[in-house]
Amino acid sequence: MVVGALGLNRMPDVFTRLHAASVSDTLGVSLVLIGLMLIAGFTLVTAKLVFLVLFLAFV
């Protein structure tokens, strides 16, 4: 959160500010999905959540 807020204040134009904000959002969503994987245990739901985390990381 701090890095995203710092990027919003220090970046020169709109597009780099959007990029700084989206990086922290992606990290937050990834951490929530990893937490859900820990809660769900080893099930089919976990496999779907792994797919979502990989999708966020590489796309």
PDB file of N, CA and C in Angstrom:
ATOM      1  N   MET A   1       0.827  -1.187   0.000  1.00  0.00           N
ATOM      2  CA  MET A   1       0.000   0.000   0.000  1.00  0.00           C
ATOM      3  C   MET A   1       0.869   1.248   0.000  1.00  0.00           C
ATOM      4  N   VAL A   2       1.921   1.245   0.774  1.00  0.00           N
ATOM      5  CA  VAL A   2       2.774   2.426   0.866  1.00  0.00           C
ATOM      6  C   VAL A   2       3.483   2.670  -0.459  1.00  0.00           C
ATOM      7  N   VAL A   3       3.944   1.607  -1.096  1.00  0.00           N
ATOM      8  CA  VAL A   3       4.639   1.767  -2.372  1.00  0.00           C
ATOM      9  C   VAL A   3       3.683   2.279  -3.441  1.00  0.00           C
ATOM     10  N   GLY A   4       2.454   1.778  -3.450  1.00  0.00           N
ATOM     11  CA  GLY A   4       1.458   2.265  -4.406  1.00  0.00           C
ATOM     12  C   GLY A   4       1.118   3.724  -4.179  1.00  0.00           C
ATOM     13  N   ALA A   5       0.961   4.117  -2.927  1.00  0.00           N
ATOM     14  CA  ALA A   5       0.662   5.519  -2.618  1.00  0.00           C
ATOM     15  C   ALA A   5       1.842   6.414  -2.964  1.00  0.00           C
ATOM     16  N   LEU A   6       3.042   5.941  -2.701  1.00  0.00           N
ATOM     17  CA  LEU A   6       4.227   6.715  -3.057  1.00  0.00           C
ATOM     18  C   LEU A   6       4.328   6.878  -4.570  1.00  0.00           C
ATOM     19  N   GLY A   7       4.031   5.814  -5.304  1.00  0.00           N
ATOM     20  CA  GLY A   7       4.054   5.893  -6.761  1.00  0.00           C
ATOM     21  C   GLY A   7       3.015   6.853  -7.306  1.00  0.00           C
ATOM     22  N   LEU A   8       1.839   6.896  -6.673  1.00  0.00           N
ATOM     23  CA  LEU A   8       0.807   7.834  -7.119  1.00  0.00           C
ATOM     24  C   LEU A   8       1.239   9.278  -6.925  1.00  0.00           C
ATOM     25  N   ASN A   9       2.004   9.544  -5.894  1.00  0.00           N
ATOM     26  CA  ASN A   9       2.427  10.914  -5.626  1.00  0.00           C
ATOM     27  C   ASN A   9       3.655  11.329  -6.419  1.00  0.00           C
ATOM     28  N   ARG A  10       4.532  10.397  -6.756  1.00  0.00           N
ATOM     29  CA  ARG A  10       5.809  10.769  -7.350  1.00  0.00           C
ATOM     30  C   ARG A  10       5.876  10.625  -8.862  1.00  0.00           C
ATOM     31  N   MET A  11       4.979   9.868  -9.457  1.00  0.00           N
ATOM     32  CA  MET A  11       5.055   9.637 -10.897  1.00  0.00           C
ATOM     33  C   MET A  11       4.580  10.867 -11.675  1.00  0.00           C
ATOM     34  N   PRO A  12       5.174  11.088 -12.853  1.00  0.00           N
ATOM     35  CA  PRO A  12       4.907  12.344 -13.564  1.00  0.00           C
ATOM     36  C   PRO A  12       3.579  12.419 -14.315  1.00  0.00           C
ATOM     37  N   ASP A  13       3.099  11.315 -14.891  1.00  0.00           N
ATOM     38  CA  ASP A  13       1.877  11.420 -15.687  1.00  0.00           C
ATOM     39  C   ASP A  13       0.851  10.376 -15.258  1.00  0.00           C
ATOM     40  N   VAL A  14      -0.307  10.437 -15.900  1.00  0.00           N
ATOM     41  CA  VAL A  14      -1.451   9.618 -15.502  1.00  0.00           C
ATOM     42  C   VAL A  14      -1.176   8.129 -15.699  1.00  0.00           C
ATOM     43  N   PHE A  15      -0.537   7.770 -16.790  1.00  0.00           N
ATOM     44  CA  PHE A  15      -0.356   6.353 -17.098  1.00  0.00           C
ATOM     45  C   PHE A  15       0.616   5.671 -16.138  1.00  0.00           C
ATOM     46  N   THR A  16       1.680   6.347 -15.766  1.00  0.00           N
ATOM     47  CA  THR A  16       2.599   5.741 -14.799  1.00  0.00           C
ATOM     48  C   THR A  16       1.975   5.700 -13.407  1.00  0.00           C
ATOM     49  N   ARG A  17       1.114   6.644 -13.091  1.00  0.00           N
ATOM     50  CA  ARG A  17       0.392   6.600 -11.814  1.00  0.00           C
ATOM     51  C   ARG A  17      -0.570   5.417 -11.777  1.00  0.00           C
ATOM     52  N   LEU A  18      -1.259   5.168 -12.890  1.00  0.00           N
ATOM     53  CA  LEU A  18      -2.151   4.008 -12.957  1.00  0.00           C
ATOM     54  C   LEU A  18      -1.377   2.703 -12.816  1.00  0.00           C
ATOM     55  N   HIS A  19      -0.194   2.655 -13.409  1.00  0.00           N
ATOM     56  CA  HIS A  19       0.622   1.452 -13.300  1.00  0.00           C
ATOM     57  C   HIS A  19       1.054   1.221 -11.851  1.00  0.00           C
ATOM     58  N   ALA A  20       1.452   2.265 -11.168  1.00  0.00           N
ATOM     59  CA  ALA A  20       1.869   2.129  -9.766  1.00  0.00           C
ATOM     60  C   ALA A  20       0.712   1.646  -8.894  1.00  0.00           C
ATOM     61  N   ALA A  21      -0.484   2.131  -9.153  1.00  0.00           N
ATOM     62  CA  ALA A  21      -1.647   1.703  -8.369  1.00  0.00           C
ATOM     63  C   ALA A  21      -2.025   0.260  -8.686  1.00  0.00           C
ATOM     64  N   SER A  22      -1.907  -0.136  -9.936  1.00  0.00           N
ATOM     65  CA  SER A  22      -2.318  -1.493 -10.307  1.00  0.00           C
ATOM     66  C   SER A  22      -1.360  -2.549  -9.772  1.00  0.00           C
ATOM     67  N   VAL A  23      -0.115  -2.210  -9.583  1.00  0.00           N
ATOM     68  CA  VAL A  23       0.843  -3.178  -9.037  1.00  0.00           C
ATOM     69  C   VAL A  23       0.459  -3.552  -7.608  1.00  0.00           C
ATOM     70  N   SER A  24       0.106  -2.571  -6.804  1.00  0.00           N
ATOM     71  CA  SER A  24      -0.279  -2.889  -5.422  1.00  0.00           C
ATOM     72  C   SER A  24      -1.625  -3.608  -5.371  1.00  0.00           C
ATOM     73  N   ASP A  25      -2.531  -3.298  -6.278  1.00  0.00           N
ATOM     74  CA  ASP A  25      -3.811  -4.015  -6.336  1.00  0.00           C
ATOM     75  C   ASP A  25      -3.608  -5.486  -6.693  1.00  0.00           C
ATOM     76  N   THR A  26      -2.741  -5.747  -7.655  1.00  0.00           N
ATOM     77  CA  THR A  26      -2.470  -7.122  -8.061  1.00  0.00           C
ATOM     78  C   THR A  26      -1.847  -7.916  -6.920  1.00  0.00           C
ATOM     79  N   LEU A  27      -0.947  -7.300  -6.180  1.00  0.00           N
ATOM     80  CA  LEU A  27      -0.351  -7.977  -5.031  1.00  0.00           C
ATOM     81  C   LEU A  27      -1.406  -8.288  -3.978  1.00  0.00           C
ATOM     82  N   GLY A  28      -2.295  -7.360  -3.717  1.00  0.00           N
ATOM     83  CA  GLY A  28      -3.342  -7.583  -2.722  1.00  0.00           C
ATOM     84  C   GLY A  28      -4.277  -8.712  -3.106  1.00  0.00           C
ATOM     85  N   VAL A  29      -4.691  -8.745  -4.358  1.00  0.00           N
ATOM     86  CA  VAL A  29      -5.583  -9.815  -4.820  1.00  0.00           C
ATOM     87  C   VAL A  29      -4.866 -11.161  -4.777  1.00  0.00           C
ATOM     88  N   SER A  30      -3.594 -11.177  -5.145  1.00  0.00           N
ATOM     89  CA  SER A  30      -2.836 -12.431  -5.096  1.00  0.00           C
ATOM     90  C   SER A  30      -2.725 -12.954  -3.672  1.00  0.00           C
ATOM     91  N   LEU A  31      -2.488 -12.071  -2.716  1.00  0.00           N
ATOM     92  CA  LEU A  31      -2.391 -12.505  -1.323  1.00  0.00           C
ATOM     93  C   LEU A  31      -3.731 -13.017  -0.792  1.00  0.00           C
ATOM     94  N   VAL A  32      -4.823 -12.407  -1.214  1.00  0.00           N
ATOM     95  CA  VAL A  32      -6.148 -12.888  -0.806  1.00  0.00           C
ATOM     96  C   VAL A  32      -6.403 -14.280  -1.380  1.00  0.00           C
ATOM     97  N   LEU A  33      -6.046 -14.496  -2.638  1.00  0.00           N
ATOM     98  CA  LEU A  33      -6.243 -15.811  -3.247  1.00  0.00           C
ATOM     99  C   LEU A  33      -5.376 -16.875  -2.579  1.00  0.00           C
ATOM    100  N   ILE A  34      -4.157 -16.527  -2.208  1.00  0.00           N
ATOM    101  CA  ILE A  34      -3.296 -17.481  -1.510  1.00  0.00           C
ATOM    102  C   ILE A  34      -3.881 -17.811  -0.138  1.00  0.00           C
ATOM    103  N   GLY A  35      -4.435 -16.820   0.532  1.00  0.00           N
ATOM    104  CA  GLY A  35      -5.100 -17.077   1.809  1.00  0.00           C
ATOM    105  C   GLY A  35      -6.299 -17.994   1.656  1.00  0.00           C
ATOM    106  N   LEU A  36      -7.063 -17.805   0.597  1.00  0.00           N
ATOM    107  CA  LEU A  36      -8.198 -18.692   0.336  1.00  0.00           C
ATOM    108  C   LEU A  36      -7.742 -20.119   0.055  1.00  0.00           C
ATOM    109  N   MET A  37      -6.575 -20.259  -0.613  1.00  0.00           N
ATOM    110  CA  MET A  37      -6.036 -21.599  -0.850  1.00  0.00           C
ATOM    111  C   MET A  37      -5.692 -22.281   0.465  1.00  0.00           C
ATOM    112  N   LEU A  38      -5.133 -21.536   1.395  1.00  0.00           N
ATOM    113  CA  LEU A  38      -4.788 -22.125   2.690  1.00  0.00           C
ATOM    114  C   LEU A  38      -6.032 -22.544   3.463  1.00  0.00           C
ATOM    115  N   ILE A  39      -7.090 -21.760   3.352  1.00  0.00           N
ATOM    116  CA  ILE A  39      -8.333 -22.092   4.051  1.00  0.00           C
ATOM    117  C   ILE A  39      -9.022 -23.293   3.412  1.00  0.00           C
ATOM    118  N   ALA A  40      -9.016 -23.363   2.077  1.00  0.00           N
ATOM    119  CA  ALA A  40      -9.754 -24.405   1.368  1.00  0.00           C
ATOM    120  C   ALA A  40      -9.109 -25.778   1.492  1.00  0.00           C
ATOM    121  N   GLY A  41      -7.811 -25.826   1.747  1.00  0.00           N
ATOM    122  CA  GLY A  41      -7.136 -27.123   1.783  1.00  0.00           C
ATOM    123  C   GLY A  41      -6.853 -27.604   0.369  1.00  0.00           C
ATOM    124  N   PHE A  42      -6.569 -28.893   0.228  1.00  0.00           N
ATOM    125  CA  PHE A  42      -6.233 -29.446  -1.078  1.00  0.00           C
ATOM    126  C   PHE A  42      -7.491 -30.011  -1.728  1.00  0.00           C
ATOM    127  N   THR A  43      -8.185 -29.162  -2.495  1.00  0.00           N
ATOM    128  CA  THR A  43      -9.411 -29.564  -3.183  1.00  0.00           C
ATOM    129  C   THR A  43      -9.376 -29.040  -4.609  1.00  0.00           C
ATOM    130  N   LEU A  44     -10.457 -29.252  -5.319  1.00  0.00           N
ATOM    131  CA  LEU A  44     -10.577 -28.719  -6.673  1.00  0.00           C
ATOM    132  C   LEU A  44     -10.622 -27.196  -6.653  1.00  0.00           C
ATOM    133  N   VAL A  45     -11.170 -26.632  -5.604  1.00  0.00           N
ATOM    134  CA  VAL A  45     -11.214 -25.176  -5.461  1.00  0.00           C
ATOM    135  C   VAL A  45      -9.801 -24.612  -5.411  1.00  0.00           C
ATOM    136  N   THR A  46      -8.901 -25.302  -4.731  1.00  0.00           N
ATOM    137  CA  THR A  46      -7.511 -24.854  -4.639  1.00  0.00           C
ATOM    138  C   THR A  46      -6.853 -24.848  -6.013  1.00  0.00           C
ATOM    139  N   ALA A  47      -7.137 -25.847  -6.821  1.00  0.00           N
ATOM    140  CA  ALA A  47      -6.577 -25.892  -8.173  1.00  0.00           C
ATOM    141  C   ALA A  47      -7.062 -24.705  -8.993  1.00  0.00           C
ATOM    142  N   LYS A  48      -8.310 -24.344  -8.848  1.00  0.00           N
ATOM    143  CA  LYS A  48      -8.843 -23.185  -9.565  1.00  0.00           C
ATOM    144  C   LYS A  48      -8.201 -21.895  -9.075  1.00  0.00           C
ATOM    145  N   LEU A  49      -7.975 -21.800  -7.770  1.00  0.00           N
ATOM    146  CA  LEU A  49      -7.335 -20.609  -7.220  1.00  0.00           C
ATOM    147  C   LEU A  49      -5.883 -20.502  -7.670  1.00  0.00           C
ATOM    148  N   VAL A  50      -5.189 -21.634  -7.788  1.00  0.00           N
ATOM    149  CA  VAL A  50      -3.820 -21.623  -8.313  1.00  0.00           C
ATOM    150  C   VAL A  50      -3.821 -21.094  -9.737  1.00  0.00           C
ATOM    151  N   PHE A  51      -4.785 -21.527 -10.532  1.00  0.00           N
ATOM    152  CA  PHE A  51      -4.893 -21.034 -11.903  1.00  0.00           C
ATOM    153  C   PHE A  51      -5.099 -19.521 -11.924  1.00  0.00           C
ATOM    154  N   LEU A  52      -5.932 -19.010 -11.035  1.00  0.00           N
ATOM    155  CA  LEU A  52      -6.166 -17.568 -10.983  1.00  0.00           C
ATOM    156  C   LEU A  52      -4.916 -16.799 -10.582  1.00  0.00           C
ATOM    157  N   VAL A  53      -4.162 -17.315  -9.615  1.00  0.00           N
ATOM    158  CA  VAL A  53      -2.924 -16.642  -9.197  1.00  0.00           C
ATOM    159  C   VAL A  53      -1.915 -16.634 -10.341  1.00  0.00           C
ATOM    160  N   LEU A  54      -1.787 -17.750 -11.042  1.00  0.00           N
ATOM    161  CA  LEU A  54      -0.873 -17.796 -12.183  1.00  0.00           C
ATOM    162  C   LEU A  54      -1.318 -16.862 -13.299  1.00  0.00           C
ATOM    163  N   PHE A  55      -2.619 -16.772 -13.510  1.00  0.00           N
ATOM    164  CA  PHE A  55      -3.143 -15.853 -14.518  1.00  0.00           C
ATOM    165  C   PHE A  55      -2.800 -14.410 -14.162  1.00  0.00           C
ATOM    166  N   LEU A  56      -2.959 -14.055 -12.900  1.00  0.00           N
ATOM    167  CA  LEU A  56      -2.618 -12.697 -12.472  1.00  0.00           C
ATOM    168  C   LEU A  56      -1.124 -12.425 -12.584  1.00  0.00           C
ATOM    169  N   ALA A  57      -0.306 -13.432 -12.338  1.00  0.00           N
ATOM    170  CA  ALA A  57       1.136 -13.231 -12.355  1.00  0.00           C
ATOM    171  C   ALA A  57       1.690 -13.083 -13.769  1.00  0.00           C
ATOM    172  N   PHE A  58       1.104 -13.792 -14.728  1.00  0.00           N
ATOM    173  CA  PHE A  58       1.711 -13.836 -16.054  1.00  0.00           C
ATOM    174  C   PHE A  58       0.943 -13.098 -17.144  1.00  0.00           C
ATOM    175  N   VAL A  59      -0.240 -12.608 -16.850  1.00  0.00           N
ATOM    176  CA  VAL A  59      -0.998 -11.880 -17.885  1.00  0.00           C
ATOM    177  C   VAL A  59      -1.171 -10.439 -17.509  1.00  0.00           C
TER     178      VAL A  59
END
